[in-house]
C-alpha atoms as a PDB file:
ATOM      1  CA  MET A   1     180.314 -62.223  51.055  1.00  0.00           C
ATOM      2  CA  LYS A   2     181.850 -61.107  47.607  1.00  0.00           C
ATOM      3  CA  VAL A   3     184.760 -58.729  47.412  1.00  0.00           C
ATOM      4  CA  ALA A   4     185.819 -57.380  44.250  1.00  0.00           C
ATOM      5  CA  GLY A   5     187.862 -54.179  43.178  1.00  0.00           C
ATOM      6  CA  GLU A   6     191.313 -52.853  41.630  1.00  0.00           C
ATOM      7  CA  TYR A   7     194.163 -50.792  42.549  1.00  0.00           C
ATOM      8  CA  LEU A   8     196.956 -49.372  40.511  1.00  0.00           C
ATOM      9  CA  LEU A   9     200.302 -49.841  41.840  1.00  0.00           C
ATOM     10  CA  ALA A  10     203.297 -47.944  40.467  1.00  0.00           C
ATOM     11  CA  ALA A  11     205.252 -50.998  39.352  1.00  0.00           C
ATOM     12  CA  ALA A  12     205.792 -53.279  36.608  1.00  0.00           C
ATOM     13  CA  PRO A  13     203.634 -56.479  36.313  1.00  0.00           C
ATOM     14  CA  ASP A  14     206.698 -58.899  37.005  1.00  0.00           C
ATOM     15  CA  ARG A  15     207.604 -56.634  39.746  1.00  0.00           C
ATOM     16  CA  ALA A  16     203.616 -56.232  41.269  1.00  0.00           C
ATOM     17  CA  TYR A  17     203.663 -59.758  40.870  1.00  0.00           C
ATOM     18  CA  ASP A  18     206.659 -60.683  42.830  1.00  0.00           C
ATOM     19  CA  LEU A  19     205.827 -58.208  45.820  1.00  0.00           C
ATOM     20  CA  LEU A  20     202.051 -59.924  46.114  1.00  0.00           C
ATOM     21  CA  GLN A  21     204.269 -63.237  46.639  1.00  0.00           C
ATOM     22  CA  ASP A  22     206.880 -61.919  48.695  1.00  0.00           C
ATOM     23  CA  PRO A  23     205.874 -63.062  52.585  1.00  0.00           C
ATOM     24  CA  GLU A  24     208.063 -60.441  53.818  1.00  0.00           C
ATOM     25  CA  VAL A  25     206.410 -57.595  52.024  1.00  0.00           C
ATOM     26  CA  LEU A  26     202.718 -59.151  52.664  1.00  0.00           C
ATOM     27  CA  ALA A  27     203.361 -59.462  56.674  1.00  0.00           C
ATOM     28  CA  ARG A  28     204.198 -55.856  56.612  1.00  0.00           C
ATOM     29  CA  CYS A  29     201.297 -55.017  54.147  1.00  0.00           C
ATOM     30  CA  MET A  30     198.678 -57.200  55.846  1.00  0.00           C
ATOM     31  CA  PRO A  31     196.338 -55.391  58.664  1.00  0.00           C
ATOM     32  CA  GLY A  32     196.966 -57.058  62.106  1.00  0.00           C
ATOM     33  CA  CYS A  33     199.270 -59.632  60.741  1.00  0.00           C
ATOM     34  CA  ASP A  34     202.273 -60.317  63.007  1.00  0.00           C
ATOM     35  CA  HIS A  35     203.506 -63.823  61.324  1.00  0.00           C
ATOM     36  CA  LEU A  36     203.916 -64.978  57.817  1.00  0.00           C
ATOM     37  CA  ALA A  37     206.407 -67.729  57.002  1.00  0.00           C
ATOM     38  CA  ARG A  38     206.870 -70.140  54.104  1.00  0.00           C
ATOM     39  CA  THR A  39     206.072 -73.797  55.047  1.00  0.00           C
ATOM     40  CA  GLY A  40     206.467 -75.461  51.851  1.00  0.00           C
ATOM     41  CA  PRO A  41     206.064 -74.413  48.169  1.00  0.00           C
ATOM     42  CA  ASP A  42     203.460 -71.724  47.534  1.00  0.00           C
ATOM     43  CA  GLU A  43     202.364 -72.155  51.193  1.00  0.00           C
ATOM     44  CA  TYR A  44     202.667 -70.295  54.114  1.00  0.00           C
ATOM     45  CA  GLU A  45     201.402 -69.968  57.829  1.00  0.00           C
ATOM     46  CA  MET A  46     200.209 -66.754  59.443  1.00  0.00           C
ATOM     47  CA  ARG A  47     198.822 -65.378  62.486  1.00  0.00           C
ATOM     48  CA  MET A  48     196.919 -62.132  62.855  1.00  0.00           C
ATOM     49  CA  LYS A  49     194.774 -59.940  65.141  1.00  0.00           C
ATOM     50  CA  MET A  50     191.544 -59.386  63.792  1.00  0.00           C
ATOM     51  CA  VAL A  51     189.378 -56.462  64.955  1.00  0.00           C
ATOM     52  CA  ILE A  52     185.540 -56.039  63.965  1.00  0.00           C
ATOM     53  CA  SER A  53     183.443 -53.491  65.923  1.00  0.00           C
ATOM     54  CA  SER A  54     184.105 -55.010  69.858  1.00  0.00           C
ATOM     55  CA  ILE A  55     184.860 -58.122  68.960  1.00  0.00           C
ATOM     56  CA  GLN A  56     188.610 -58.891  68.642  1.00  0.00           C
ATOM     57  CA  GLY A  57     190.835 -61.951  68.707  1.00  0.00           C
ATOM     58  CA  LEU A  58     193.793 -63.943  67.575  1.00  0.00           C
ATOM     59  CA  PHE A  59     193.844 -65.984  64.079  1.00  0.00           C
ATOM     60  CA  ALA A  60     196.219 -69.034  63.210  1.00  0.00           C
ATOM     61  CA  GLY A  61     196.073 -70.250  59.744  1.00  0.00           C
ATOM     62  CA  LYS A  62     197.411 -71.252  56.446  1.00  0.00           C
ATOM     63  CA  VAL A  63     197.908 -69.154  53.100  1.00  0.00           C
ATOM     64  CA  SER A  64     198.232 -70.857  49.959  1.00  0.00           C
ATOM     65  CA  ILE A  65     198.823 -69.575  46.410  1.00  0.00           C
ATOM     66  CA  ALA A  66     197.575 -71.616  43.295  1.00  0.00           C
ATOM     67  CA  ASP A  67     196.949 -71.393  39.451  1.00  0.00           C
ATOM     68  CA  GLN A  68     199.974 -69.037  39.138  1.00  0.00           C
ATOM     69  CA  ASP A  69     200.228 -67.474  35.817  1.00  0.00           C
ATOM     70  CA  ARG A  70     203.288 -65.210  35.930  1.00  0.00           C
ATOM     71  CA  PRO A  71     202.960 -62.083  36.113  1.00  0.00           C
ATOM     72  CA  ALA A  72     199.236 -62.117  34.840  1.00  0.00           C
ATOM     73  CA  GLY A  73     197.895 -63.511  38.227  1.00  0.00           C
ATOM     74  CA  PHE A  74     197.269 -66.110  40.473  1.00  0.00           C
ATOM     75  CA  ARG A  75     194.837 -67.338  42.906  1.00  0.00           C
ATOM     76  CA  LEU A  76     194.957 -66.848  46.553  1.00  0.00           C
ATOM     77  CA  VAL A  77     193.552 -69.367  49.467  1.00  0.00           C
ATOM     78  CA  VAL A  78     193.168 -67.864  53.254  1.00  0.00           C
ATOM     79  CA  GLU A  79     192.006 -69.751  55.804  1.00  0.00           C
ATOM     80  CA  GLY A  80     192.004 -68.755  59.453  1.00  0.00           C
ATOM     81  CA  ASN A  81     190.859 -69.679  62.978  1.00  0.00           C
ATOM     82  CA  GLY A  82     190.544 -68.514  66.527  1.00  0.00           C
ATOM     83  CA  LYS A  83     188.279 -68.265  69.461  1.00  0.00           C
ATOM     84  CA  VAL A  84     186.267 -65.596  68.015  1.00  0.00           C
ATOM     85  CA  GLY A  85     185.408 -67.639  64.760  1.00  0.00           C
ATOM     86  CA  PHE A  86     186.851 -68.341  61.695  1.00  0.00           C
ATOM     87  CA  MET A  87     187.492 -66.975  58.019  1.00  0.00           C
ATOM     88  CA  ARG A  88     187.939 -68.848  54.692  1.00  0.00           C
ATOM     89  CA  GLY A  89     188.725 -66.385  51.623  1.00  0.00           C
ATOM     90  CA  ASP A  90     189.393 -67.517  47.943  1.00  0.00           C
ATOM     91  CA  GLY A  91     190.284 -64.910  45.614  1.00  0.00           C
ATOM     92  CA  LEU A  92     191.499 -64.373  42.176  1.00  0.00           C
ATOM     93  CA  LEU A  93     194.311 -61.808  41.558  1.00  0.00           C
ATOM     94  CA  THR A  94     194.447 -60.536  37.962  1.00  0.00           C
ATOM     95  CA  LEU A  95     197.829 -58.123  37.018  1.00  0.00           C
ATOM     96  CA  VAL A  96     196.886 -55.894  34.032  1.00  0.00           C
ATOM     97  CA  PRO A  97     199.707 -53.495  32.358  1.00  0.00           C
ATOM     98  CA  GLN A  98     198.827 -49.968  32.487  1.00  0.00           C
ATOM     99  CA  PRO A  99     200.636 -46.644  31.500  1.00  0.00           C
ATOM    100  CA  GLY A 100     202.712 -45.954  34.525  1.00  0.00           C
ATOM    101  CA  GLY A 101     202.435 -49.490  36.231  1.00  0.00           C
ATOM    102  CA  THR A 102     199.925 -52.378  36.904  1.00  0.00           C
ATOM    103  CA  GLU A 103     196.313 -52.596  37.853  1.00  0.00           C
ATOM    104  CA  VAL A 104     195.645 -55.362  40.419  1.00  0.00           C
ATOM    105  CA  ARG A 105     191.984 -56.649  39.796  1.00  0.00           C
ATOM    106  CA  TYR A 106     190.804 -58.780  42.756  1.00  0.00           C
ATOM    107  CA  GLU A 107     187.628 -60.728  43.269  1.00  0.00           C
ATOM    108  CA  GLY A 108     186.691 -63.495  45.413  1.00  0.00           C
ATOM    109  CA  GLU A 109     184.677 -64.676  48.370  1.00  0.00           C
ATOM    110  CA  VAL A 110     185.102 -64.376  52.064  1.00  0.00           C
ATOM    111  CA  ARG A 111     183.215 -66.608  54.739  1.00  0.00           C
ATOM    112  CA  VAL A 112     183.411 -66.145  58.382  1.00  0.00           C
ATOM    113  CA  GLY A 113     181.462 -67.826  61.246  1.00  0.00           C
ATOM    114  CA  GLY A 114     181.304 -67.564  64.896  1.00  0.00           C
ATOM    115  CA  MET A 115     181.041 -64.707  66.908  1.00  0.00           C
ATOM    116  CA  ILE A 116     182.529 -62.283  64.435  1.00  0.00           C
ATOM    117  CA  ALA A 117     179.540 -63.664  61.712  1.00  0.00           C
ATOM    118  CA  GLY A 118     177.384 -61.874  64.558  1.00  0.00           C
ATOM    119  CA  VAL A 119     178.447 -58.365  64.019  1.00  0.00           C
ATOM    120  CA  GLY A 120     176.392 -58.070  60.809  1.00  0.00           C
ATOM    121  CA  GLN A 121     176.711 -58.368  57.258  1.00  0.00           C
ATOM    122  CA  ARG A 122     176.880 -54.353  56.355  1.00  0.00           C
ATOM    123  CA  LEU A 123     180.014 -54.061  59.196  1.00  0.00           C
ATOM    124  CA  LEU A 124     181.481 -56.951  57.682  1.00  0.00           C
ATOM    125  CA  ASP A 125     181.495 -55.701  54.371  1.00  0.00           C
ATOM    126  CA  THR A 126     182.923 -52.437  55.720  1.00  0.00           C
ATOM    127  CA  THR A 127     185.873 -53.978  57.412  1.00  0.00           C
ATOM    128  CA  ALA A 128     186.637 -56.079  54.431  1.00  0.00           C
ATOM    129  CA  LYS A 129     186.862 -52.661  52.198  1.00  0.00           C
ATOM    130  CA  MET A 130     188.999 -50.907  54.953  1.00  0.00           C
ATOM    131  CA  ILE A 131     191.156 -53.674  55.145  1.00  0.00           C
ATOM    132  CA  ILE A 132     191.738 -54.322  51.587  1.00  0.00           C
ATOM    133  CA  LYS A 133     192.619 -50.448  51.368  1.00  0.00           C
ATOM    134  CA  ARG A 134     194.731 -50.439  54.020  1.00  0.00           C
ATOM    135  CA  PHE A 135     196.637 -53.322  52.399  1.00  0.00           C
ATOM    136  CA  PHE A 136     196.938 -51.663  49.080  1.00  0.00           C
ATOM    137  CA  SER A 137     198.071 -48.697  50.266  1.00  0.00           C
ATOM    138  CA  LYS A 138     200.833 -50.325  52.252  1.00  0.00           C
ATOM    139  CA  LEU A 139     201.783 -52.094  49.464  1.00  0.00           C
ATOM    140  CA  ALA A 140     202.022 -49.047  47.413  1.00  0.00           C
ATOM    141  CA  ALA A 141     204.324 -47.466  50.060  1.00  0.00           C
ATOM    142  CA  GLN A 142     206.624 -50.553  49.552  1.00  0.00           C
ATOM    143  CA  VAL A 143     206.730 -50.060  45.918  1.00  0.00           C
ATOM    144  CA  ASP A 144     207.674 -46.162  46.277  1.00  0.00           C
ATOM    145  CA  GLY A 145     210.101 -47.075  48.934  1.00  0.00           C
ATOM    146  CA  ALA A 146     212.219 -49.599  46.799  1.00  0.00           C
ATOM    147  CA  SER A 147     211.987 -47.180  43.825  1.00  0.00           C
ATOM    148  CA  SER A 148     213.039 -44.253  45.886  1.00  0.00           C
ATOM    149  CA  SER A 149     215.896 -46.136  47.376  1.00  0.00           C
ATOM    150  CA  GLY A 150     216.981 -47.585  43.805  1.00  0.00           C
ATOM    151  CA  ALA A 151     215.844 -51.212  44.761  1.00  0.00           C
ATOM    152  CA  GLY A 152     213.499 -53.046  42.453  1.00  0.00           C
ATOM    153  CA  ALA A 153     211.067 -51.370  39.631  1.00  0.00           C
END
């Protein structure tokens, strides 16, 4: 399944780049994430709960950051396994300066297998779009919270 889109963050490119690589921020923003911890340079372990239709389960996996080009972008590789299946994703995030902030463009591919693949392509597409929308909404709230508290920006 291919995913692509963009989202405007009210933060300068350097700040947006930092937020997108901060494990504490990412753990708060990723729907279902209950653990994200650095295991090495540009590598993290994660645990998250995934719910798609009537199928739900815990996934354990890793997140790797590659091809870093600060503050223009980076590649994100995510792998997770659980009792209900597996998920692997590879995506490129490109940060483009815009008046009033940074446009985060994303494009990539996600592969799923096991029981979660059985829910159908349409439901997987809808769920992926919902997760991405929630992620960026929570990330924008992090930017707003940091700005209103006088931190960052």
